[in-house]
C-alpha atoms as a PDB file:
ATOM      1  CA  MET A   1     106.815  83.877  82.305  1.00  0.00           C
ATOM      2  CA  THR A   2     104.466  82.235  85.046  1.00  0.00           C
ATOM      3  CA  ALA A   3     100.832  80.543  85.864  1.00  0.00           C
ATOM      4  CA  ASN A   4      97.500  82.851  84.772  1.00  0.00           C
ATOM      5  CA  HIS A   5      97.031  83.174  88.916  1.00  0.00           C
ATOM      6  CA  MET A   6      98.968  82.494  92.030  1.00  0.00           C
ATOM      7  CA  SER A   7      97.432  83.057  95.402  1.00  0.00           C
ATOM      8  CA  TYR A   8     100.110  85.448  97.175  1.00  0.00           C
ATOM      9  CA  PRO A   9     102.890  82.622  98.480  1.00  0.00           C
ATOM     10  CA  ASP A  10     103.030  81.742  95.353  1.00  0.00           C
ATOM     11  CA  PHE A  11     103.541  85.267  94.317  1.00  0.00           C
ATOM     12  CA  LYS A  12     106.013  86.146  96.484  1.00  0.00           C
ATOM     13  CA  ASN A  13     107.943  82.876  95.644  1.00  0.00           C
ATOM     14  CA  GLU A  14     107.616  83.237  91.882  1.00  0.00           C
ATOM     15  CA  LEU A  15     109.116  86.991  92.200  1.00  0.00           C
ATOM     16  CA  LEU A  16     112.234  85.921  94.361  1.00  0.00           C
ATOM     17  CA  THR A  17     112.895  83.116  91.736  1.00  0.00           C
ATOM     18  CA  GLN A  18     112.529  85.740  88.916  1.00  0.00           C
ATOM     19  CA  ILE A  19     114.665  88.390  90.747  1.00  0.00           C
ATOM     20  CA  ARG A  20     117.256  86.058  91.425  1.00  0.00           C
ATOM     21  CA  ARG A  21     117.497  85.580  88.084  1.00  0.00           C
ATOM     22  CA  GLU A  22     118.621  88.964  86.757  1.00  0.00           C
ATOM     23  CA  PHE A  23     121.191  89.277  89.493  1.00  0.00           C
ATOM     24  CA  SER A  24     124.575  87.047  90.181  1.00  0.00           C
ATOM     25  CA  PRO A  25     124.835  84.700  92.766  1.00  0.00           C
ATOM     26  CA  ASP A  26     126.664  87.321  95.007  1.00  0.00           C
ATOM     27  CA  TYR A  27     123.857  89.233  95.221  1.00  0.00           C
ATOM     28  CA  ASP A  28     121.657  88.867  98.842  1.00  0.00           C
ATOM     29  CA  ILE A  29     118.084  88.920  97.588  1.00  0.00           C
ATOM     30  CA  ARG A  30     115.497  88.109 100.297  1.00  0.00           C
ATOM     31  CA  ILE A  31     111.582  88.644 101.325  1.00  0.00           C
ATOM     32  CA  SER A  32     111.053  90.360 105.041  1.00  0.00           C
ATOM     33  CA  SER A  33     108.293  91.401 107.014  1.00  0.00           C
ATOM     34  CA  ILE A  34     108.494  94.668 107.967  1.00  0.00           C
ATOM     35  CA  LEU A  35     106.671  96.097 110.854  1.00  0.00           C
ATOM     36  CA  LYS A  36     105.093  99.461 109.350  1.00  0.00           C
ATOM     37  CA  THR A  37     103.130 102.462 111.348  1.00  0.00           C
ATOM     38  CA  ASN A  38      99.900 101.678 113.063  1.00  0.00           C
ATOM     39  CA  ALA A  39     100.731  97.752 113.821  1.00  0.00           C
ATOM     40  CA  VAL A  40     100.764  97.396 109.857  1.00  0.00           C
ATOM     41  CA  THR A  41     103.353  94.552 108.715  1.00  0.00           C
ATOM     42  CA  LEU A  42     104.019  94.511 105.212  1.00  0.00           C
ATOM     43  CA  ASP A  43     106.303  92.343 103.097  1.00  0.00           C
ATOM     44  CA  SER A  44     109.572  93.923 101.590  1.00  0.00           C
ATOM     45  CA  LEU A  45     111.592  92.339  98.557  1.00  0.00           C
ATOM     46  CA  MET A  46     115.398  93.534  99.483  1.00  0.00           C
ATOM     47  CA  ILE A  47     118.179  93.575  97.065  1.00  0.00           C
ATOM     48  CA  TYR A  48     121.426  93.838  98.821  1.00  0.00           C
ATOM     49  CA  ALA A  49     124.225  94.527  96.368  1.00  0.00           C
ATOM     50  CA  PRO A  50     128.011  93.092  97.018  1.00  0.00           C
ATOM     51  CA  GLY A  51     129.563  95.730  99.639  1.00  0.00           C
ATOM     52  CA  CYS A  52     126.356  97.375  99.914  1.00  0.00           C
ATOM     53  CA  ASN A  53     124.586  97.080 103.674  1.00  0.00           C
ATOM     54  CA  LEU A  54     121.151  99.277 102.549  1.00  0.00           C
ATOM     55  CA  THR A  55     118.563  98.369 100.218  1.00  0.00           C
ATOM     56  CA  PRO A  56     114.973  99.758  99.655  1.00  0.00           C
ATOM     57  CA  ASN A  57     112.460  98.274 100.927  1.00  0.00           C
ATOM     58  CA  ILE A  58     109.600  97.167  97.925  1.00  0.00           C
ATOM     59  CA  TYR A  59     106.447  96.367  99.565  1.00  0.00           C
ATOM     60  CA  LEU A  60     105.275  93.445  97.649  1.00  0.00           C
ATOM     61  CA  ASN A  61     101.724  93.824  99.627  1.00  0.00           C
ATOM     62  CA  TYR A  62     100.695  96.385  97.003  1.00  0.00           C
ATOM     63  CA  TYR A  63     102.051  94.581  93.541  1.00  0.00           C
ATOM     64  CA  TYR A  64     100.364  91.837  94.250  1.00  0.00           C
ATOM     65  CA  GLU A  65      96.749  93.959  94.868  1.00  0.00           C
ATOM     66  CA  ARG A  66      97.435  94.900  91.578  1.00  0.00           C
ATOM     67  CA  TYR A  67      98.360  91.758  89.859  1.00  0.00           C
ATOM     68  CA  GLU A  68      94.473  90.557  91.647  1.00  0.00           C
ATOM     69  CA  LYS A  69      93.448  93.373  89.764  1.00  0.00           C
ATOM     70  CA  GLY A  70      94.418  92.700  86.633  1.00  0.00           C
ATOM     71  CA  LEU A  71      98.097  93.552  86.135  1.00  0.00           C
ATOM     72  CA  PRO A  72     100.586  91.085  84.208  1.00  0.00           C
ATOM     73  CA  PHE A  73     102.923  89.544  86.591  1.00  0.00           C
ATOM     74  CA  ASP A  74     105.741  90.701  83.460  1.00  0.00           C
ATOM     75  CA  ALA A  75     104.855  93.927  83.891  1.00  0.00           C
ATOM     76  CA  ILE A  76     104.846  93.737  87.801  1.00  0.00           C
ATOM     77  CA  PHE A  77     108.106  92.503  87.501  1.00  0.00           C
ATOM     78  CA  LYS A  78     109.580  95.079  85.338  1.00  0.00           C
ATOM     79  CA  GLU A  79     107.941  97.975  87.258  1.00  0.00           C
ATOM     80  CA  ILE A  80     109.855  96.249  90.377  1.00  0.00           C
ATOM     81  CA  LEU A  81     113.247  95.976  88.441  1.00  0.00           C
ATOM     82  CA  ASP A  82     112.919  99.668  87.893  1.00  0.00           C
ATOM     83  CA  CYS A  83     111.874 100.695  91.423  1.00  0.00           C
ATOM     84  CA  TYR A  84     115.144  98.863  92.773  1.00  0.00           C
ATOM     85  CA  GLN A  85     117.230 100.508  90.405  1.00  0.00           C
ATOM     86  CA  LYS A  86     116.074 104.275  90.768  1.00  0.00           C
ATOM     87  CA  ARG A  87     115.766 103.901  94.873  1.00  0.00           C
ATOM     88  CA  ARG A  88     119.053 101.806  95.324  1.00  0.00           C
ATOM     89  CA  THR A  89     121.693 104.064  97.160  1.00  0.00           C
ATOM     90  CA  ASP A  90     125.144 104.573  94.456  1.00  0.00           C
ATOM     91  CA  PRO A  91     127.404 104.729  96.134  1.00  0.00           C
ATOM     92  CA  PRO A  92     126.323 102.233  98.683  1.00  0.00           C
ATOM     93  CA  PHE A  93     125.791 104.216 102.190  1.00  0.00           C
ATOM     94  CA  ASP A  94     128.195 103.059 104.542  1.00  0.00           C
ATOM     95  CA  VAL A  95     126.203 101.924 107.826  1.00  0.00           C
ATOM     96  CA  GLU A  96     129.432 102.782 110.222  1.00  0.00           C
ATOM     97  CA  ARG A  97     128.104 106.098 109.960  1.00  0.00           C
ATOM     98  CA  PHE A  98     125.253 105.463 111.514  1.00  0.00           C
ATOM     99  CA  ALA A  99     127.373 105.646 115.078  1.00  0.00           C
ATOM    100  CA  ASP A 100     128.745 109.081 114.277  1.00  0.00           C
ATOM    101  CA  PHE A 101     126.610 111.842 115.772  1.00  0.00           C
ATOM    102  CA  ALA A 102     128.788 114.203 114.371  1.00  0.00           C
ATOM    103  CA  TYR A 103     127.608 113.083 111.234  1.00  0.00           C
ATOM    104  CA  ILE A 104     123.951 111.883 111.593  1.00  0.00           C
ATOM    105  CA  ARG A 105     122.908 115.229 113.318  1.00  0.00           C
ATOM    106  CA  HIS A 106     122.501 116.993 109.632  1.00  0.00           C
ATOM    107  CA  HIS A 107     120.415 114.133 108.543  1.00  0.00           C
ATOM    108  CA  LEU A 108     118.269 113.972 111.367  1.00  0.00           C
ATOM    109  CA  VAL A 109     114.448 114.681 111.127  1.00  0.00           C
ATOM    110  CA  PHE A 110     111.215 114.206 112.834  1.00  0.00           C
ATOM    111  CA  ARG A 111     107.631 112.543 112.112  1.00  0.00           C
ATOM    112  CA  LEU A 112     104.292 112.596 113.347  1.00  0.00           C
ATOM    113  CA  LEU A 113     102.479 109.350 113.895  1.00  0.00           C
ATOM    114  CA  LYS A 114      99.139 108.743 115.667  1.00  0.00           C
ATOM    115  CA  GLN A 115     100.188 107.310 119.523  1.00  0.00           C
ATOM    116  CA  SER A 116      96.953 104.835 120.307  1.00  0.00           C
ATOM    117  CA  ASP A 117      97.821 102.734 116.811  1.00  0.00           C
ATOM    118  CA  ASN A 118     101.807 102.230 117.411  1.00  0.00           C
ATOM    119  CA  GLN A 119     102.039 101.701 121.351  1.00  0.00           C
ATOM    120  CA  ASN A 120     104.320  98.498 120.602  1.00  0.00           C
ATOM    121  CA  LEU A 121     106.357 100.659 117.955  1.00  0.00           C
ATOM    122  CA  LEU A 122     106.896 103.346 120.435  1.00  0.00           C
ATOM    123  CA  LEU A 123     108.309 100.910 123.110  1.00  0.00           C
ATOM    124  CA  ASP A 124     111.283 100.915 120.858  1.00  0.00           C
ATOM    125  CA  ILE A 125     111.829 104.417 119.802  1.00  0.00           C
ATOM    126  CA  PRO A 126     112.773 107.608 120.825  1.00  0.00           C
ATOM    127  CA  HIS A 127     109.662 110.028 120.744  1.00  0.00           C
ATOM    128  CA  ILE A 128     107.602 112.920 122.651  1.00  0.00           C
ATOM    129  CA  ASP A 129     104.082 113.042 122.865  1.00  0.00           C
ATOM    130  CA  PHE A 130     102.336 116.250 120.861  1.00  0.00           C
ATOM    131  CA  LEU A 131      98.708 116.229 121.829  1.00  0.00           C
ATOM    132  CA  ASP A 132      97.402 112.553 120.558  1.00  0.00           C
ATOM    133  CA  LEU A 133     100.327 111.909 118.268  1.00  0.00           C
ATOM    134  CA  ALA A 134     103.980 111.124 118.750  1.00  0.00           C
ATOM    135  CA  ILE A 135     106.835 113.179 117.697  1.00  0.00           C
ATOM    136  CA  VAL A 136     109.627 110.302 116.156  1.00  0.00           C
ATOM    137  CA  PHE A 137     112.943 110.965 114.668  1.00  0.00           C
ATOM    138  CA  ALA A 138     114.560 109.597 111.319  1.00  0.00           C
ATOM    139  CA  ILE A 139     117.897 109.925 109.167  1.00  0.00           C
ATOM    140  CA  LEU A 140     116.716 111.302 105.937  1.00  0.00           C
ATOM    141  CA  LEU A 141     119.055 109.928 102.979  1.00  0.00           C
ATOM    142  CA  GLU A 142     119.411 111.538  99.788  1.00  0.00           C
ATOM    143  CA  ASP A 143     120.759 110.273  96.470  1.00  0.00           C
ATOM    144  CA  GLN A 144     122.742 112.209  93.992  1.00  0.00           C
ATOM    145  CA  GLU A 145     119.191 111.991  91.666  1.00  0.00           C
ATOM    146  CA  GLY A 146     117.248 114.153  94.918  1.00  0.00           C
ATOM    147  CA  HIS A 147     115.093 110.369  95.551  1.00  0.00           C
ATOM    148  CA  HIS A 148     114.900 110.373  99.785  1.00  0.00           C
ATOM    149  CA  ALA A 149     114.859 107.356 102.090  1.00  0.00           C
ATOM    150  CA  SER A 150     114.944 107.388 105.776  1.00  0.00           C
ATOM    151  CA  VAL A 151     115.402 105.097 108.521  1.00  0.00           C
ATOM    152  CA  LEU A 152     113.219 105.498 111.698  1.00  0.00           C
ATOM    153  CA  ILE A 153     116.109 106.179 115.231  1.00  0.00           C
ATOM    154  CA  HIS A 154     115.339 103.306 117.955  1.00  0.00           C
ATOM    155  CA  LYS A 155     116.558 103.675 121.268  1.00  0.00           C
ATOM    156  CA  SER A 156     119.766 101.255 120.550  1.00  0.00           C
ATOM    157  CA  HIS A 157     120.848 104.007 118.398  1.00  0.00           C
ATOM    158  CA  LEU A 158     120.682 106.875 121.178  1.00  0.00           C
ATOM    159  CA  LYS A 159     123.132 104.537 123.230  1.00  0.00           C
ATOM    160  CA  ALA A 160     125.708 104.518 120.320  1.00  0.00           C
ATOM    161  CA  TRP A 161     125.094 108.693 120.109  1.00  0.00           C
ATOM    162  CA  GLY A 162     126.625 109.051 123.773  1.00  0.00           C
ATOM    163  CA  ASN A 163     122.068 109.260 124.862  1.00  0.00           C
ATOM    164  CA  PRO A 164     121.055 112.451 123.418  1.00  0.00           C
ATOM    165  CA  THR A 165     118.260 113.812 125.224  1.00  0.00           C
ATOM    166  CA  MET A 166     114.763 114.159 123.424  1.00  0.00           C
ATOM    167  CA  GLN A 167     114.990 117.819 123.755  1.00  0.00           C
ATOM    168  CA  ASP A 168     118.054 117.677 122.081  1.00  0.00           C
ATOM    169  CA  LEU A 169     116.991 115.442 118.922  1.00  0.00           C
ATOM    170  CA  LEU A 170     113.981 117.310 118.778  1.00  0.00           C
ATOM    171  CA  ALA A 171     115.868 120.814 118.586  1.00  0.00           C
ATOM    172  CA  ILE A 172     118.329 119.085 116.029  1.00  0.00           C
ATOM    173  CA  ALA A 173     115.227 118.414 113.615  1.00  0.00           C
ATOM    174  CA  LYS A 174     113.341 121.286 114.048  1.00  0.00           C
ATOM    175  CA  PHE A 175     116.734 122.743 112.549  1.00  0.00           C
ATOM    176  CA  ASN A 176     116.846 120.304 110.185  1.00  0.00           C
ATOM    177  CA  THR A 177     113.278 119.667 108.912  1.00  0.00           C
ATOM    178  CA  PRO A 178     112.072 122.377 107.415  1.00  0.00           C
ATOM    179  CA  ARG A 179     115.691 122.677 105.868  1.00  0.00           C
ATOM    180  CA  LEU A 180     115.778 119.501 104.314  1.00  0.00           C
ATOM    181  CA  LEU A 181     111.970 119.067 103.478  1.00  0.00           C
ATOM    182  CA  PRO A 182     110.715 122.098 102.555  1.00  0.00           C
ATOM    183  CA  TYR A 183     106.937 122.770 102.701  1.00  0.00           C
ATOM    184  CA  THR A 184     104.486 123.359 100.350  1.00  0.00           C
ATOM    185  CA  PHE A 185     101.056 125.247 100.820  1.00  0.00           C
ATOM    186  CA  GLU A 186      98.874 124.752  98.032  1.00  0.00           C
ATOM    187  CA  PRO A 187      95.443 125.275  97.143  1.00  0.00           C
ATOM    188  CA  MET A 188      92.863 122.194  96.898  1.00  0.00           C
ATOM    189  CA  ALA A 189      91.499 123.392  93.647  1.00  0.00           C
ATOM    190  CA  GLU A 190      94.600 124.035  91.876  1.00  0.00           C
ATOM    191  CA  LEU A 191      95.537 120.236  92.924  1.00  0.00           C
ATOM    192  CA  LEU A 192      92.089 118.950  91.810  1.00  0.00           C
ATOM    193  CA  ASP A 193      92.557 120.878  88.373  1.00  0.00           C
ATOM    194  CA  GLN A 194      95.799 119.290  87.872  1.00  0.00           C
ATOM    195  CA  ALA A 195      94.308 115.632  88.752  1.00  0.00           C
ATOM    196  CA  PRO A 196      93.559 113.004  86.175  1.00  0.00           C
ATOM    197  CA  ALA A 197      89.848 112.285  85.848  1.00  0.00           C
ATOM    198  CA  PRO A 198      88.377 109.398  88.106  1.00  0.00           C
ATOM    199  CA  GLU A 199      88.516 106.008  86.438  1.00  0.00           C
ATOM    200  CA  GLU A 200      84.787 105.073  87.790  1.00  0.00           C
ATOM    201  CA  LYS A 201      81.808 107.517  87.410  1.00  0.00           C
ATOM    202  CA  GLY A 202      81.010 108.282  90.749  1.00  0.00           C
ATOM    203  CA  SER A 203      83.561 107.569  92.520  1.00  0.00           C
ATOM    204  CA  ALA A 204      83.903 108.959  95.752  1.00  0.00           C
ATOM    205  CA  ASP A 205      86.169 112.528  96.004  1.00  0.00           C
ATOM    206  CA  PRO A 206      86.391 112.662  99.946  1.00  0.00           C
ATOM    207  CA  LEU A 207      87.312 116.558  99.290  1.00  0.00           C
ATOM    208  CA  ALA A 208      84.211 117.440  97.040  1.00  0.00           C
ATOM    209  CA  SER A 209      82.112 119.845  98.402  1.00  0.00           C
ATOM    210  CA  SER A 210      78.016 118.854  98.650  1.00  0.00           C
ATOM    211  CA  CYS A 211      75.008 119.746 100.047  1.00  0.00           C
ATOM    212  CA  PRO A 212      74.092 119.119 103.123  1.00  0.00           C
ATOM    213  CA  ASP A 213      76.668 116.730 103.396  1.00  0.00           C
ATOM    214  CA  ASP A 214      79.654 119.131 103.539  1.00  0.00           C
ATOM    215  CA  PRO A 215      80.709 118.786 106.835  1.00  0.00           C
ATOM    216  CA  LEU A 216      82.807 122.352 106.125  1.00  0.00           C
ATOM    217  CA  ALA A 217      79.417 124.000 105.666  1.00  0.00           C
ATOM    218  CA  PRO A 218      76.809 122.448 107.949  1.00  0.00           C
ATOM    219  CA  SER A 219      73.840 124.181 106.953  1.00  0.00           C
ATOM    220  CA  CYS A 220      73.126 124.658 103.127  1.00  0.00           C
ATOM    221  CA  PRO A 221      69.877 126.158 102.173  1.00  0.00           C
ATOM    222  CA  ASP A 222      71.347 127.222  98.881  1.00  0.00           C
ATOM    223  CA  SER A 223      74.502 126.799  97.099  1.00  0.00           C
ATOM    224  CA  ASP A 224      75.009 130.141  95.894  1.00  0.00           C
ATOM    225  CA  GLN A 225      73.970 131.292  99.397  1.00  0.00           C
ATOM    226  CA  LEU A 226      76.714 129.706 101.231  1.00  0.00           C
ATOM    227  CA  ALA A 227      79.870 128.517  99.809  1.00  0.00           C
ATOM    228  CA  SER A 228      82.521 126.276 101.814  1.00  0.00           C
ATOM    229  CA  PRO A 229      85.551 127.754 103.166  1.00  0.00           C
ATOM    230  CA  PRO A 230      88.995 127.202 100.858  1.00  0.00           C
ATOM    231  CA  LEU A 231      91.028 123.782 101.273  1.00  0.00           C
ATOM    232  CA  PHE A 232      95.017 124.010 100.848  1.00  0.00           C
ATOM    233  CA  VAL A 233      97.104 121.132 101.430  1.00  0.00           C
ATOM    234  CA  LEU A 234      99.690 121.813 103.702  1.00  0.00           C
ATOM    235  CA  GLY A 235     103.180 118.930 102.908  1.00  0.00           C
ATOM    236  CA  ASN A 236     106.730 119.220 102.161  1.00  0.00           C
ATOM    237  CA  GLN A 237     108.276 118.968  98.389  1.00  0.00           C
ATOM    238  CA  ALA A 238     109.386 115.235  98.831  1.00  0.00           C
ATOM    239  CA  ARG A 239     105.785 113.832  99.791  1.00  0.00           C
ATOM    240  CA  LEU A 240     106.889 112.017 102.313  1.00  0.00           C
ATOM    241  CA  TYR A 241     106.050 112.382 106.219  1.00  0.00           C
ATOM    242  CA  GLY A 242     104.835 116.039 105.268  1.00  0.00           C
ATOM    243  CA  ALA A 243     102.070 115.852 108.204  1.00  0.00           C
ATOM    244  CA  ALA A 244     105.232 116.773 110.183  1.00  0.00           C
ATOM    245  CA  THR A 245     105.313 120.479 108.400  1.00  0.00           C
ATOM    246  CA  ILE A 246     102.764 121.264 110.965  1.00  0.00           C
ATOM    247  CA  LEU A 247     105.629 121.462 113.254  1.00  0.00           C
ATOM    248  CA  TYR A 248     107.467 123.869 111.394  1.00  0.00           C
ATOM    249  CA  PRO A 249     108.341 126.736 113.560  1.00  0.00           C
ATOM    250  CA  GLU A 250     105.704 129.493 112.994  1.00  0.00           C
ATOM    251  CA  LEU A 251     104.480 128.157 110.137  1.00  0.00           C
ATOM    252  CA  LEU A 252     100.566 127.652 110.452  1.00  0.00           C
ATOM    253  CA  SER A 253     100.819 130.917 112.738  1.00  0.00           C
ATOM    254  CA  ASP A 254     102.123 132.756 109.440  1.00  0.00           C
ATOM    255  CA  ILE A 255      99.457 130.572 107.568  1.00  0.00           C
ATOM    256  CA  SER A 256      96.916 131.910 109.716  1.00  0.00           C
ATOM    257  CA  GLY A 257      97.790 135.151 109.679  1.00  0.00           C
ATOM    258  CA  LYS A 258      98.190 135.309 105.713  1.00  0.00           C
ATOM    259  CA  LEU A 259      94.150 134.305 105.842  1.00  0.00           C
ATOM    260  CA  SER A 260      93.489 136.097 108.874  1.00  0.00           C
ATOM    261  CA  CYS A 261      91.609 133.700 111.051  1.00  0.00           C
ATOM    262  CA  ASP A 262      91.879 130.692 113.038  1.00  0.00           C
ATOM    263  CA  LEU A 263      92.224 127.145 111.234  1.00  0.00           C
ATOM    264  CA  ILE A 264      91.248 123.712 110.791  1.00  0.00           C
ATOM    265  CA  VAL A 265      93.751 121.500 110.176  1.00  0.00           C
ATOM    266  CA  ILE A 266      92.570 118.110 108.533  1.00  0.00           C
ATOM    267  CA  PRO A 267      94.776 114.752 109.175  1.00  0.00           C
ATOM    268  CA  SER A 268      94.770 113.649 105.208  1.00  0.00           C
ATOM    269  CA  SER A 269      97.752 111.303 106.022  1.00  0.00           C
ATOM    270  CA  ILE A 270     101.072 110.792 107.382  1.00  0.00           C
ATOM    271  CA  HIS A 271     102.525 112.556 104.349  1.00  0.00           C
ATOM    272  CA  GLU A 272     100.405 115.693 104.056  1.00  0.00           C
ATOM    273  CA  VAL A 273      97.235 117.523 106.385  1.00  0.00           C
ATOM    274  CA  LEU A 274      94.200 119.845 104.823  1.00  0.00           C
ATOM    275  CA  ILE A 275      94.076 123.369 106.008  1.00  0.00           C
ATOM    276  CA  THR A 276      90.907 125.272 105.751  1.00  0.00           C
ATOM    277  CA  PRO A 277      89.689 128.590 107.727  1.00  0.00           C
ATOM    278  CA  TYR A 278      87.626 128.046 110.875  1.00  0.00           C
ATOM    279  CA  THR A 279      84.508 129.549 110.922  1.00  0.00           C
ATOM    280  CA  SER A 280      81.417 129.257 114.088  1.00  0.00           C
ATOM    281  CA  LEU A 281      79.265 127.657 111.835  1.00  0.00           C
ATOM    282  CA  MET A 282      81.663 124.201 111.590  1.00  0.00           C
ATOM    283  CA  CYS A 283      80.923 121.101 113.385  1.00  0.00           C
ATOM    284  CA  GLN A 284      83.448 119.572 114.920  1.00  0.00           C
ATOM    285  CA  LYS A 285      81.915 116.057 115.213  1.00  0.00           C
ATOM    286  CA  SER A 286      80.835 115.935 111.465  1.00  0.00           C
ATOM    287  CA  LEU A 287      84.521 117.339 110.843  1.00  0.00           C
ATOM    288  CA  ASP A 288      85.464 113.989 112.860  1.00  0.00           C
ATOM    289  CA  ASP A 289      83.116 111.605 111.155  1.00  0.00           C
ATOM    290  CA  MET A 290      84.367 112.525 107.745  1.00  0.00           C
ATOM    291  CA  VAL A 291      87.894 111.702 108.386  1.00  0.00           C
ATOM    292  CA  ILE A 292      86.996 108.222 109.780  1.00  0.00           C
ATOM    293  CA  GLN A 293      85.116 107.776 106.813  1.00  0.00           C
ATOM    294  CA  VAL A 294      87.880 108.355 104.608  1.00  0.00           C
ATOM    295  CA  ASN A 295      90.333 107.039 106.450  1.00  0.00           C
ATOM    296  CA  THR A 296      88.242 103.772 105.883  1.00  0.00           C
ATOM    297  CA  ALA A 297      87.280 103.855 102.714  1.00  0.00           C
ATOM    298  CA  GLN A 298      90.656 105.632 101.091  1.00  0.00           C
ATOM    299  CA  VAL A 299      93.688 105.861 103.040  1.00  0.00           C
ATOM    300  CA  PRO A 300      96.029 102.901 103.862  1.00  0.00           C
ATOM    301  CA  ARG A 301      95.976 101.871 107.323  1.00  0.00           C
ATOM    302  CA  GLU A 302      99.597 102.479 107.183  1.00  0.00           C
ATOM    303  CA  ASP A 303      99.567 105.929 106.660  1.00  0.00           C
ATOM    304  CA  ILE A 304      96.875 107.248 108.656  1.00  0.00           C
ATOM    305  CA  LEU A 305      97.488 110.043 111.084  1.00  0.00           C
ATOM    306  CA  SER A 306      94.316 110.417 113.360  1.00  0.00           C
ATOM    307  CA  ASP A 307      90.694 109.909 113.358  1.00  0.00           C
ATOM    308  CA  HIS A 308      90.008 113.561 113.926  1.00  0.00           C
ATOM    309  CA  VAL A 309      90.408 117.009 113.253  1.00  0.00           C
ATOM    310  CA  TYR A 310      92.628 119.892 115.124  1.00  0.00           C
ATOM    311  CA  PHE A 311      92.286 123.603 115.687  1.00  0.00           C
ATOM    312  CA  PHE A 312      94.982 125.942 115.811  1.00  0.00           C
ATOM    313  CA  SER A 313      94.581 129.563 117.468  1.00  0.00           C
ATOM    314  CA  ARG A 314      95.951 132.217 115.586  1.00  0.00           C
ATOM    315  CA  GLU A 315      95.526 134.373 118.713  1.00  0.00           C
ATOM    316  CA  GLN A 316      97.218 131.903 121.210  1.00  0.00           C
ATOM    317  CA  GLY A 317      99.571 130.233 118.370  1.00  0.00           C
ATOM    318  CA  HIS A 318      99.263 126.919 119.115  1.00  0.00           C
ATOM    319  CA  LEU A 319      97.472 123.889 118.362  1.00  0.00           C
ATOM    320  CA  CYS A 320      94.545 121.928 120.182  1.00  0.00           C
ATOM    321  CA  LEU A 321      92.639 118.836 120.461  1.00  0.00           C
ATOM    322  CA  THR A 322      88.996 120.954 120.617  1.00  0.00           C
ATOM    323  CA  PHE A 323      87.096 123.882 118.754  1.00  0.00           C
ATOM    324  CA  PRO A 324      86.778 126.891 121.161  1.00  0.00           C
ATOM    325  CA  ASP A 325      83.353 126.455 121.522  1.00  0.00           C
ATOM    326  CA  GLY A 326      83.763 122.691 123.056  1.00  0.00           C
ATOM    327  CA  ASN A 327      81.353 121.871 120.700  1.00  0.00           C
ATOM    328  CA  ARG A 328      82.869 118.237 120.493  1.00  0.00           C
ATOM    329  CA  GLU A 329      80.999 115.824 123.040  1.00  0.00           C
ATOM    330  CA  ASP A 330      83.870 114.565 124.572  1.00  0.00           C
ATOM    331  CA  SER A 331      85.653 118.202 124.353  1.00  0.00           C
ATOM    332  CA  GLU A 332      86.175 118.662 128.614  1.00  0.00           C
ATOM    333  CA  ALA A 333      88.287 115.167 128.530  1.00  0.00           C
ATOM    334  CA  LEU A 334      90.195 115.893 125.709  1.00  0.00           C
ATOM    335  CA  ARG A 335      90.616 119.414 127.348  1.00  0.00           C
ATOM    336  CA  GLN A 336      92.208 117.638 130.379  1.00  0.00           C
ATOM    337  CA  GLU A 337      94.135 114.979 128.314  1.00  0.00           C
ATOM    338  CA  GLU A 338      95.651 118.067 126.496  1.00  0.00           C
ATOM    339  CA  LYS A 339      97.057 119.313 129.627  1.00  0.00           C
ATOM    340  CA  ARG A 340      98.735 116.269 130.211  1.00  0.00           C
ATOM    341  CA  MET A 341     100.432 115.834 127.062  1.00  0.00           C
ATOM    342  CA  THR A 342     103.337 117.518 126.237  1.00  0.00           C
ATOM    343  CA  ILE A 343     102.968 120.608 123.977  1.00  0.00           C
ATOM    344  CA  VAL A 344     105.572 121.416 121.411  1.00  0.00           C
ATOM    345  CA  SER A 345     105.839 124.819 121.209  1.00  0.00           C
ATOM    346  CA  ALA A 346     105.683 126.746 117.447  1.00  0.00           C
END
């Protein structure tokens, strides 16, 4: 179907040509640049069926990476067609319903983003500061087969809805999100048992416990003498923006109650977080360094949530930026920042 190897521009053009041959001329098929989170711009293939005003974003950057690693173009072409067929809205969603807040309010959910890397995006979208993160809002759509899609809410939407306040949006989303995107809380050990073996020997497992480099066990004289605390994965059933589960009312309090301890929240990505019991032996800087290392090596830039861990106090019932002993080097500055920022009560 195509040459042995193509540059990225040629790859996009060839895909566009081949995709257009698969559909009738009344389909609107194009490639657009989409601003994602953390200032990442991706190329999205958009296939608009006649009379349909929504389409899934099929990001070509990832497919080209796989093409460069040896996946044949024909296989990529088939995957993209399959992806479109599975994710398209059927029947078509009426965009005019976006103007109907009485309808939209039942589909309103929240997400969490990193503030510092999304300054330009946050200028255009309603949000609430939460520690060093931002709570943003989206409209969640679900097709008849249970596939989810979402549309980020912009300030222009608020005008069409009669300018609801941020607190209005937050109250609605705090009710909807746990209902539409139920949380999951699973031991990491069970997930690792279910995962396939790594393709390459020695490939990095950022969650594997090791001695003496495991930041969850800062001193490790004997592996039998000191075991690492257990890790749990907190997300949602859709595996979509599941880090926002830390905002679910009383959820972190319930988890800390069941575990009978304070918690460390490790930002795995915008889609999930890791939870582990807090112990006084933990070094906050070591954990922060681990998060930065994993973000750099294994997390797509647009999926990064934060570059440090968080502490949840069982007694006080809220999340904060510093451990109780304040052992992070910049802990005093962070405490002052916590006072300045808006804290959303669980």
